[in-house]
Amino acid sequence: MIPPNNKGDHHPDLLRVDAPGNLLVALYNGSGATTVSPAGTLLKLVNVPSSHHTNLAVG
């Protein structure tokens, strides 16, 4: 469900659910965050210039 990256093993850290029911996942050692639909489809992968994400703010 979460695509591999070129920086080694990454894993989900913080999980949040938005209003439509999508799962937002911070990727520790993954350089970003991802959004997954309730059906398990990867909707979005956002890359950011830091690799250790442990929290997401939605607003």
PDB file of N, CA and C in Angstrom:
ATOM      1  N   MET A   1       0.822  -1.193   0.000  1.00  0.00           N
ATOM      2  CA  MET A   1       0.000   0.000   0.000  1.00  0.00           C
ATOM      3  C   MET A   1       0.868   1.260   0.000  1.00  0.00           C
ATOM      4  N   ILE A   2       1.940   1.270   0.793  1.00  0.00           N
ATOM      5  CA  ILE A   2       2.836   2.423   0.817  1.00  0.00           C
ATOM      6  C   ILE A   2       4.050   2.077  -0.025  1.00  0.00           C
ATOM      7  N   PRO A   3       4.318   2.859  -1.075  1.00  0.00           N
ATOM      8  CA  PRO A   3       5.406   2.509  -1.989  1.00  0.00           C
ATOM      9  C   PRO A   3       6.770   2.603  -1.318  1.00  0.00           C
ATOM     10  N   PRO A   4       7.719   1.770  -1.772  1.00  0.00           N
ATOM     11  CA  PRO A   4       9.074   1.830  -1.224  1.00  0.00           C
ATOM     12  C   PRO A   4       9.762   3.127  -1.620  1.00  0.00           C
ATOM     13  N   ASN A   5      10.794   3.469  -0.878  1.00  0.00           N
ATOM     14  CA  ASN A   5      11.571   4.652  -1.231  1.00  0.00           C
ATOM     15  C   ASN A   5      13.030   4.253  -1.413  1.00  0.00           C
ATOM     16  N   ASN A   6      13.851   5.196  -1.782  1.00  0.00           N
ATOM     17  CA  ASN A   6      15.265   4.902  -2.008  1.00  0.00           C
ATOM     18  C   ASN A   6      16.124   5.217  -0.787  1.00  0.00           C
ATOM     19  N   LYS A   7      15.524   5.446   0.352  1.00  0.00           N
ATOM     20  CA  LYS A   7      16.267   5.809   1.560  1.00  0.00           C
ATOM     21  C   LYS A   7      16.289   4.681   2.577  1.00  0.00           C
ATOM     22  N   GLY A   8      15.934   3.492   2.162  1.00  0.00           N
ATOM     23  CA  GLY A   8      15.904   2.378   3.100  1.00  0.00           C
ATOM     24  C   GLY A   8      14.497   2.131   3.589  1.00  0.00           C
ATOM     25  N   ASP A   9      14.399   1.357   4.614  1.00  0.00           N
ATOM     26  CA  ASP A   9      13.098   0.967   5.142  1.00  0.00           C
ATOM     27  C   ASP A   9      12.402   2.142   5.816  1.00  0.00           C
ATOM     28  N   HIS A  10      11.146   2.352   5.496  1.00  0.00           N
ATOM     29  CA  HIS A  10      10.344   3.355   6.195  1.00  0.00           C
ATOM     30  C   HIS A  10       9.096   2.677   6.725  1.00  0.00           C
ATOM     31  N   HIS A  11       8.502   3.313   7.703  1.00  0.00           N
ATOM     32  CA  HIS A  11       7.314   2.724   8.310  1.00  0.00           C
ATOM     33  C   HIS A  11       6.344   3.821   8.732  1.00  0.00           C
ATOM     34  N   PRO A  12       5.056   3.463   8.811  1.00  0.00           N
ATOM     35  CA  PRO A  12       4.071   4.442   9.263  1.00  0.00           C
ATOM     36  C   PRO A  12       4.324   4.826  10.705  1.00  0.00           C
ATOM     37  N   ASP A  13       4.140   6.081  11.004  1.00  0.00           N
ATOM     38  CA  ASP A  13       4.301   6.545  12.379  1.00  0.00           C
ATOM     39  C   ASP A  13       2.946   7.006  12.901  1.00  0.00           C
ATOM     40  N   LEU A  14       2.580   8.234  12.641  1.00  0.00           N
ATOM     41  CA  LEU A  14       1.304   8.742  13.134  1.00  0.00           C
ATOM     42  C   LEU A  14       0.227   8.530  12.078  1.00  0.00           C
ATOM     43  N   LEU A  15      -0.949   8.160  12.513  1.00  0.00           N
ATOM     44  CA  LEU A  15      -2.081   7.977  11.621  1.00  0.00           C
ATOM     45  C   LEU A  15      -3.194   8.939  12.011  1.00  0.00           C
ATOM     46  N   ARG A  16      -3.845   9.517  11.018  1.00  0.00           N
ATOM     47  CA  ARG A  16      -5.025  10.361  11.244  1.00  0.00           C
ATOM     48  C   ARG A  16      -6.057  10.000  10.190  1.00  0.00           C
ATOM     49  N   VAL A  17      -7.318  10.239  10.504  1.00  0.00           N
ATOM     50  CA  VAL A  17      -8.401  10.019   9.557  1.00  0.00           C
ATOM     51  C   VAL A  17      -9.051  11.365   9.278  1.00  0.00           C
ATOM     52  N   ASP A  18      -9.212  11.703   7.990  1.00  0.00           N
ATOM     53  CA  ASP A  18      -9.849  12.974   7.640  1.00  0.00           C
ATOM     54  C   ASP A  18     -11.363  12.791   7.532  1.00  0.00           C
ATOM     55  N   ALA A  19     -12.072  13.868   7.250  1.00  0.00           N
ATOM     56  CA  ALA A  19     -13.544  13.848   7.217  1.00  0.00           C
ATOM     57  C   ALA A  19     -14.118  12.821   6.235  1.00  0.00           C
ATOM     58  N   PRO A  20     -13.548  12.648   5.033  1.00  0.00           N
ATOM     59  CA  PRO A  20     -14.085  11.640   4.106  1.00  0.00           C
ATOM     60  C   PRO A  20     -13.707  10.202   4.474  1.00  0.00           C
ATOM     61  N   GLY A  21     -12.883  10.034   5.515  1.00  0.00           N
ATOM     62  CA  GLY A  21     -12.504   8.689   5.939  1.00  0.00           C
ATOM     63  C   GLY A  21     -11.181   8.202   5.390  1.00  0.00           C
ATOM     64  N   ASN A  22     -10.424   9.081   4.736  1.00  0.00           N
ATOM     65  CA  ASN A  22      -9.103   8.711   4.236  1.00  0.00           C
ATOM     66  C   ASN A  22      -8.106   8.635   5.381  1.00  0.00           C
ATOM     67  N   LEU A  23      -7.139   7.756   5.250  1.00  0.00           N
ATOM     68  CA  LEU A  23      -6.102   7.585   6.251  1.00  0.00           C
ATOM     69  C   LEU A  23      -4.888   8.401   5.832  1.00  0.00           C
ATOM     70  N   LEU A  24      -4.439   9.307   6.709  1.00  0.00           N
ATOM     71  CA  LEU A  24      -3.238  10.098   6.469  1.00  0.00           C
ATOM     72  C   LEU A  24      -2.139   9.509   7.328  1.00  0.00           C
ATOM     73  N   VAL A  25      -0.987   9.232   6.710  1.00  0.00           N
ATOM     74  CA  VAL A  25       0.084   8.505   7.388  1.00  0.00           C
ATOM     75  C   VAL A  25       1.384   9.280   7.285  1.00  0.00           C
ATOM     76  N   ALA A  26       1.985   9.606   8.426  1.00  0.00           N
ATOM     77  CA  ALA A  26       3.330  10.168   8.440  1.00  0.00           C
ATOM     78  C   ALA A  26       4.302   9.007   8.259  1.00  0.00           C
ATOM     79  N   LEU A  27       5.280   9.174   7.360  1.00  0.00           N
ATOM     80  CA  LEU A  27       6.235   8.105   7.074  1.00  0.00           C
ATOM     81  C   LEU A  27       7.566   8.401   7.744  1.00  0.00           C
ATOM     82  N   TYR A  28       7.833   7.720   8.848  1.00  0.00           N
ATOM     83  CA  TYR A  28       9.119   7.879   9.533  1.00  0.00           C
ATOM     84  C   TYR A  28      10.197   7.239   8.661  1.00  0.00           C
ATOM     85  N   ASN A  29      11.250   7.974   8.394  1.00  0.00           N
ATOM     86  CA  ASN A  29      12.324   7.570   7.494  1.00  0.00           C
ATOM     87  C   ASN A  29      11.816   7.453   6.056  1.00  0.00           C
ATOM     88  N   GLY A  30      10.725   8.131   5.768  1.00  0.00           N
ATOM     89  CA  GLY A  30      10.127   8.035   4.447  1.00  0.00           C
ATOM     90  C   GLY A  30      10.064   9.325   3.683  1.00  0.00           C
ATOM     91  N   SER A  31      10.529  10.409   4.276  1.00  0.00           N
ATOM     92  CA  SER A  31      10.568  11.715   3.614  1.00  0.00           C
ATOM     93  C   SER A  31       9.217  12.229   3.165  1.00  0.00           C
ATOM     94  N   GLY A  32       8.169  11.948   3.934  1.00  0.00           N
ATOM     95  CA  GLY A  32       6.884  12.493   3.551  1.00  0.00           C
ATOM     96  C   GLY A  32       5.708  11.907   4.287  1.00  0.00           C
ATOM     97  N   ALA A  33       4.571  12.026   3.626  1.00  0.00           N
ATOM     98  CA  ALA A  33       3.316  11.517   4.177  1.00  0.00           C
ATOM     99  C   ALA A  33       2.494  10.993   3.016  1.00  0.00           C
ATOM    100  N   THR A  34       1.542  10.149   3.322  1.00  0.00           N
ATOM    101  CA  THR A  34       0.709   9.563   2.295  1.00  0.00           C
ATOM    102  C   THR A  34      -0.750   9.596   2.713  1.00  0.00           C
ATOM    103  N   THR A  35      -1.626   9.559   1.733  1.00  0.00           N
ATOM    104  CA  THR A  35      -3.069   9.489   1.969  1.00  0.00           C
ATOM    105  C   THR A  35      -3.595   8.233   1.292  1.00  0.00           C
ATOM    106  N   VAL A  36      -4.348   7.442   2.044  1.00  0.00           N
ATOM    107  CA  VAL A  36      -4.890   6.184   1.544  1.00  0.00           C
ATOM    108  C   VAL A  36      -6.400   6.208   1.716  1.00  0.00           C
ATOM    109  N   SER A  37      -7.129   5.807   0.679  1.00  0.00           N
ATOM    110  CA  SER A  37      -8.596   5.803   0.732  1.00  0.00           C
ATOM    111  C   SER A  37      -9.098   4.689   1.639  1.00  0.00           C
ATOM    112  N   PRO A  38     -10.364   4.743   2.046  1.00  0.00           N
ATOM    113  CA  PRO A  38     -10.935   3.661   2.843  1.00  0.00           C
ATOM    114  C   PRO A  38     -10.868   2.302   2.131  1.00  0.00           C
ATOM    115  N   ALA A  39     -10.799   2.310   0.802  1.00  0.00           N
ATOM    116  CA  ALA A  39     -10.694   1.064   0.039  1.00  0.00           C
ATOM    117  C   ALA A  39      -9.259   0.551  -0.061  1.00  0.00           C
ATOM    118  N   GLY A  40      -8.297   1.329   0.462  1.00  0.00           N
ATOM    119  CA  GLY A  40      -6.903   0.913   0.435  1.00  0.00           C
ATOM    120  C   GLY A  40      -6.109   1.422  -0.751  1.00  0.00           C
ATOM    121  N   THR A  41      -6.679   2.334  -1.524  1.00  0.00           N
ATOM    122  CA  THR A  41      -5.999   2.899  -2.685  1.00  0.00           C
ATOM    123  C   THR A  41      -5.111   4.065  -2.272  1.00  0.00           C
ATOM    124  N   LEU A  42      -3.873   4.078  -2.751  1.00  0.00           N
ATOM    125  CA  LEU A  42      -2.980   5.198  -2.495  1.00  0.00           C
ATOM    126  C   LEU A  42      -3.474   6.398  -3.283  1.00  0.00           C
ATOM    127  N   LEU A  43      -3.856   7.466  -2.583  1.00  0.00           N
ATOM    128  CA  LEU A  43      -4.380   8.665  -3.228  1.00  0.00           C
ATOM    129  C   LEU A  43      -3.310   9.716  -3.467  1.00  0.00           C
ATOM    130  N   LYS A  44      -2.388   9.842  -2.512  1.00  0.00           N
ATOM    131  CA  LYS A  44      -1.399  10.909  -2.611  1.00  0.00           C
ATOM    132  C   LYS A  44      -0.165  10.526  -1.811  1.00  0.00           C
ATOM    133  N   LEU A  45       0.979  10.890  -2.349  1.00  0.00           N
ATOM    134  CA  LEU A  45       2.246  10.763  -1.638  1.00  0.00           C
ATOM    135  C   LEU A  45       2.917  12.121  -1.703  1.00  0.00           C
ATOM    136  N   VAL A  46       3.142  12.727  -0.558  1.00  0.00           N
ATOM    137  CA  VAL A  46       3.742  14.064  -0.486  1.00  0.00           C
ATOM    138  C   VAL A  46       5.165  13.919   0.027  1.00  0.00           C
ATOM    139  N   ASN A  47       6.128  14.327  -0.777  1.00  0.00           N
ATOM    140  CA  ASN A  47       7.537  14.290  -0.375  1.00  0.00           C
ATOM    141  C   ASN A  47       7.930  15.636   0.206  1.00  0.00           C
ATOM    142  N   VAL A  48       8.664  15.597   1.300  1.00  0.00           N
ATOM    143  CA  VAL A  48       9.180  16.813   1.935  1.00  0.00           C
ATOM    144  C   VAL A  48      10.667  16.612   2.226  1.00  0.00           C
ATOM    145  N   PRO A  49      11.424  17.699   2.417  1.00  0.00           N
ATOM    146  CA  PRO A  49      12.878  17.592   2.529  1.00  0.00           C
ATOM    147  C   PRO A  49      13.413  17.092   3.874  1.00  0.00           C
ATOM    148  N   SER A  50      12.608  16.495   4.667  1.00  0.00           N
ATOM    149  CA  SER A  50      13.058  15.931   5.943  1.00  0.00           C
ATOM    150  C   SER A  50      12.587  14.484   5.996  1.00  0.00           C
ATOM    151  N   SER A  51      13.329  13.624   6.666  1.00  0.00           N
ATOM    152  CA  SER A  51      12.993  12.209   6.587  1.00  0.00           C
ATOM    153  C   SER A  51      12.231  11.634   7.784  1.00  0.00           C
ATOM    154  N   HIS A  52      12.250  12.292   8.914  1.00  0.00           N
ATOM    155  CA  HIS A  52      11.654  11.691  10.103  1.00  0.00           C
ATOM    156  C   HIS A  52      10.387  12.422  10.548  1.00  0.00           C
ATOM    157  N   HIS A  53       9.267  11.999   9.991  1.00  0.00           N
ATOM    158  CA  HIS A  53       7.982  12.624  10.296  1.00  0.00           C
ATOM    159  C   HIS A  53       7.251  11.783  11.330  1.00  0.00           C
ATOM    160  N   THR A  54       6.793  12.428  12.374  1.00  0.00           N
ATOM    161  CA  THR A  54       6.114  11.703  13.435  1.00  0.00           C
ATOM    162  C   THR A  54       4.758  12.296  13.765  1.00  0.00           C
ATOM    163  N   ASN A  55       4.363  13.369  13.096  1.00  0.00           N
ATOM    164  CA  ASN A  55       3.096  14.009  13.414  1.00  0.00           C
ATOM    165  C   ASN A  55       2.539  14.697  12.166  1.00  0.00           C
ATOM    166  N   LEU A  56       1.230  14.783  12.110  1.00  0.00           N
ATOM    167  CA  LEU A  56       0.548  15.469  11.013  1.00  0.00           C
ATOM    168  C   LEU A  56      -0.454  16.449  11.603  1.00  0.00           C
ATOM    169  N   ALA A  57      -0.546  17.613  11.009  1.00  0.00           N
ATOM    170  CA  ALA A  57      -1.571  18.582  11.409  1.00  0.00           C
ATOM    171  C   ALA A  57      -2.547  18.725  10.244  1.00  0.00           C
ATOM    172  N   VAL A  58      -3.805  18.609  10.516  1.00  0.00           N
ATOM    173  CA  VAL A  58      -4.843  18.726   9.495  1.00  0.00           C
ATOM    174  C   VAL A  58      -5.718  19.909   9.863  1.00  0.00           C
ATOM    175  N   GLY A  59      -5.921  20.791   8.920  1.00  0.00           N
ATOM    176  CA  GLY A  59      -6.760  21.914   9.273  1.00  0.00           C
ATOM    177  C   GLY A  59      -7.073  22.823   8.140  1.00  0.00           C
TER     178      GLY A  59
END
